[in-house]
Amino acid sequence: MRVIDLYLIWFSALSFLFYGFSYYFSSGMKDEFKRYGLEKFAFLTSTLQILGGLGLIVGLKFYPILMLSSGGLALLILFGFFVRLKIRDGFWRSLPAFLYLVLNSYLFIINCLR
């Protein structure tokens, strides 16, 4: 595995761990889910973010878990990106979701090709 790919995995993993745990410690994250109209999915989403982040780290040792985690996070953020489009968030507010979608799709694809 290339060094840049390791950095990308760690970046994505730490980002999703941060966002997943921030739901439990930040009222701002709870407010965001209300803004999206998805309060009932907040616990599930944050749990999947935490599991995905942990899966990326564990996947450094066990590649099938890396594939599953990166693919799952790409799918999760794809839905998040569609939500952003649906509620008409602007370009700058939607850009991080799109970039994480590209990042985790890339990680999924390169690990499928191994």
Protein backbone atom coordinates (compact mmCIF):
# COMPACT_ATOMS: atom_id res chain seq x y z
CA MET A 1 0.00 0.00 0.00
CA ARG A 2 1.27 3.45 -0.90
CA VAL A 3 2.11 5.93 1.85
CA ILE A 4 -0.40 8.46 0.52
CA ASP A 5 -3.14 5.84 0.77
CA LEU A 6 -2.23 5.24 4.41
CA TYR A 7 -2.53 8.96 5.11
CA LEU A 8 -5.89 9.07 3.35
CA ILE A 9 -7.16 6.10 5.36
CA TRP A 10 -6.07 7.68 8.64
CA PHE A 11 -7.54 11.05 7.64
CA SER A 12 -10.89 9.51 6.78
CA ALA A 13 -10.92 7.27 9.85
CA LEU A 14 -10.15 10.08 12.28
CA SER A 15 -12.64 12.39 10.58
CA PHE A 16 -15.49 9.89 10.85
CA LEU A 17 -14.58 9.03 14.43
CA PHE A 18 -14.62 12.74 15.27
CA TYR A 19 -17.97 13.37 13.60
CA GLY A 20 -19.50 10.19 14.97
CA PHE A 21 -18.53 10.96 18.56
CA SER A 22 -19.35 14.66 18.23
CA TYR A 23 -23.03 13.75 17.99
CA TYR A 24 -22.85 12.62 21.63
CA PHE A 25 -20.92 15.66 22.85
CA SER A 26 -22.13 18.55 20.68
CA SER A 27 -25.58 20.05 20.53
CA GLY A 28 -24.57 21.50 17.16
CA MET A 29 -24.53 18.06 15.58
CA LYS A 30 -27.99 17.30 16.98
CA ASP A 31 -29.20 20.62 15.54
CA GLU A 32 -27.80 19.65 12.13
CA PHE A 33 -29.81 16.43 12.10
CA LYS A 34 -32.92 18.45 13.00
CA ARG A 35 -32.15 20.83 10.14
CA TYR A 36 -31.96 17.85 7.79
CA GLY A 37 -35.24 16.49 9.16
CA LEU A 38 -33.44 13.27 10.12
CA GLU A 39 -33.41 13.30 13.92
CA LYS A 40 -34.61 9.71 14.06
CA PHE A 41 -31.55 8.57 12.07
CA ALA A 42 -28.96 10.53 14.08
CA PHE A 43 -28.02 7.72 16.47
CA LEU A 44 -27.75 5.20 13.63
CA THR A 45 -25.70 7.57 11.49
CA SER A 46 -23.28 8.45 14.27
CA THR A 47 -22.88 4.78 15.17
CA LEU A 48 -22.16 3.89 11.54
CA GLN A 49 -19.62 6.72 11.34
CA ILE A 50 -17.81 5.40 14.42
CA LEU A 51 -17.89 1.80 13.18
CA GLY A 52 -16.70 2.91 9.74
CA GLY A 53 -13.82 4.91 11.20
CA LEU A 54 -12.77 2.00 13.42
CA GLY A 55 -13.17 -0.36 10.46
CA LEU A 56 -10.76 1.69 8.38
CA ILE A 57 -8.14 1.43 11.12
CA VAL A 58 -8.68 -2.30 11.70
CA GLY A 59 -8.74 -2.71 7.93
CA LEU A 60 -5.11 -1.71 7.73
CA LYS A 61 -4.41 -5.19 9.06
CA PHE A 62 -7.43 -7.04 7.59
CA TYR A 63 -8.11 -5.81 4.05
CA PRO A 64 -11.68 -7.18 3.73
CA ILE A 65 -12.68 -4.95 6.66
CA LEU A 66 -11.02 -1.98 4.95
CA MET A 67 -13.03 -2.68 1.82
CA LEU A 68 -16.28 -3.06 3.75
CA SER A 69 -15.66 0.08 5.82
CA SER A 70 -14.62 2.33 2.95
CA GLY A 71 -17.52 1.12 0.81
CA GLY A 72 -19.97 1.54 3.67
CA LEU A 73 -18.73 5.04 4.45
CA ALA A 74 -18.92 5.98 0.76
CA LEU A 75 -22.53 4.80 0.68
CA LEU A 76 -23.36 6.59 3.95
CA ILE A 77 -21.89 9.86 2.72
CA LEU A 78 -23.58 9.45 -0.67
CA PHE A 79 -26.90 9.53 1.18
CA GLY A 80 -25.62 12.51 3.17
CA PHE A 81 -24.71 14.32 -0.03
CA PHE A 82 -28.19 13.67 -1.47
CA VAL A 83 -29.71 15.07 1.72
CA ARG A 84 -27.62 18.21 1.29
CA LEU A 85 -28.91 18.55 -2.27
CA LYS A 86 -32.48 17.92 -1.17
CA ILE A 87 -32.44 20.65 1.48
CA ARG A 88 -30.73 22.95 -1.02
CA ASP A 89 -27.50 23.52 0.83
CA GLY A 90 -25.18 25.58 -1.28
CA PHE A 91 -21.99 24.50 -2.99
CA TRP A 92 -19.68 25.26 -0.05
CA ARG A 93 -21.87 23.49 2.53
CA SER A 94 -22.15 20.40 0.29
CA LEU A 95 -18.50 20.28 -0.77
CA PRO A 96 -17.16 18.40 2.30
CA ALA A 97 -19.74 15.63 1.84
CA PHE A 98 -18.79 15.34 -1.82
CA LEU A 99 -15.07 15.22 -1.02
CA TYR A 100 -15.56 12.50 1.59
CA LEU A 101 -17.65 10.59 -0.95
CA VAL A 102 -14.80 10.78 -3.47
CA LEU A 103 -12.19 9.89 -0.84
CA ASN A 104 -13.96 6.80 0.48
CA SER A 105 -14.98 5.69 -3.02
CA TYR A 106 -11.31 5.91 -3.99
CA LEU A 107 -10.28 3.87 -0.94
CA PHE A 108 -12.91 1.28 -1.76
CA ILE A 109 -11.86 0.99 -5.40
CA ILE A 110 -8.12 0.73 -4.78
CA ASN A 111 -8.70 -1.99 -2.19
CA CYS A 112 -11.02 -3.90 -4.51
CA LEU A 113 -8.23 -3.92 -7.10
CA ARG A 114 -5.67 -5.47 -4.71
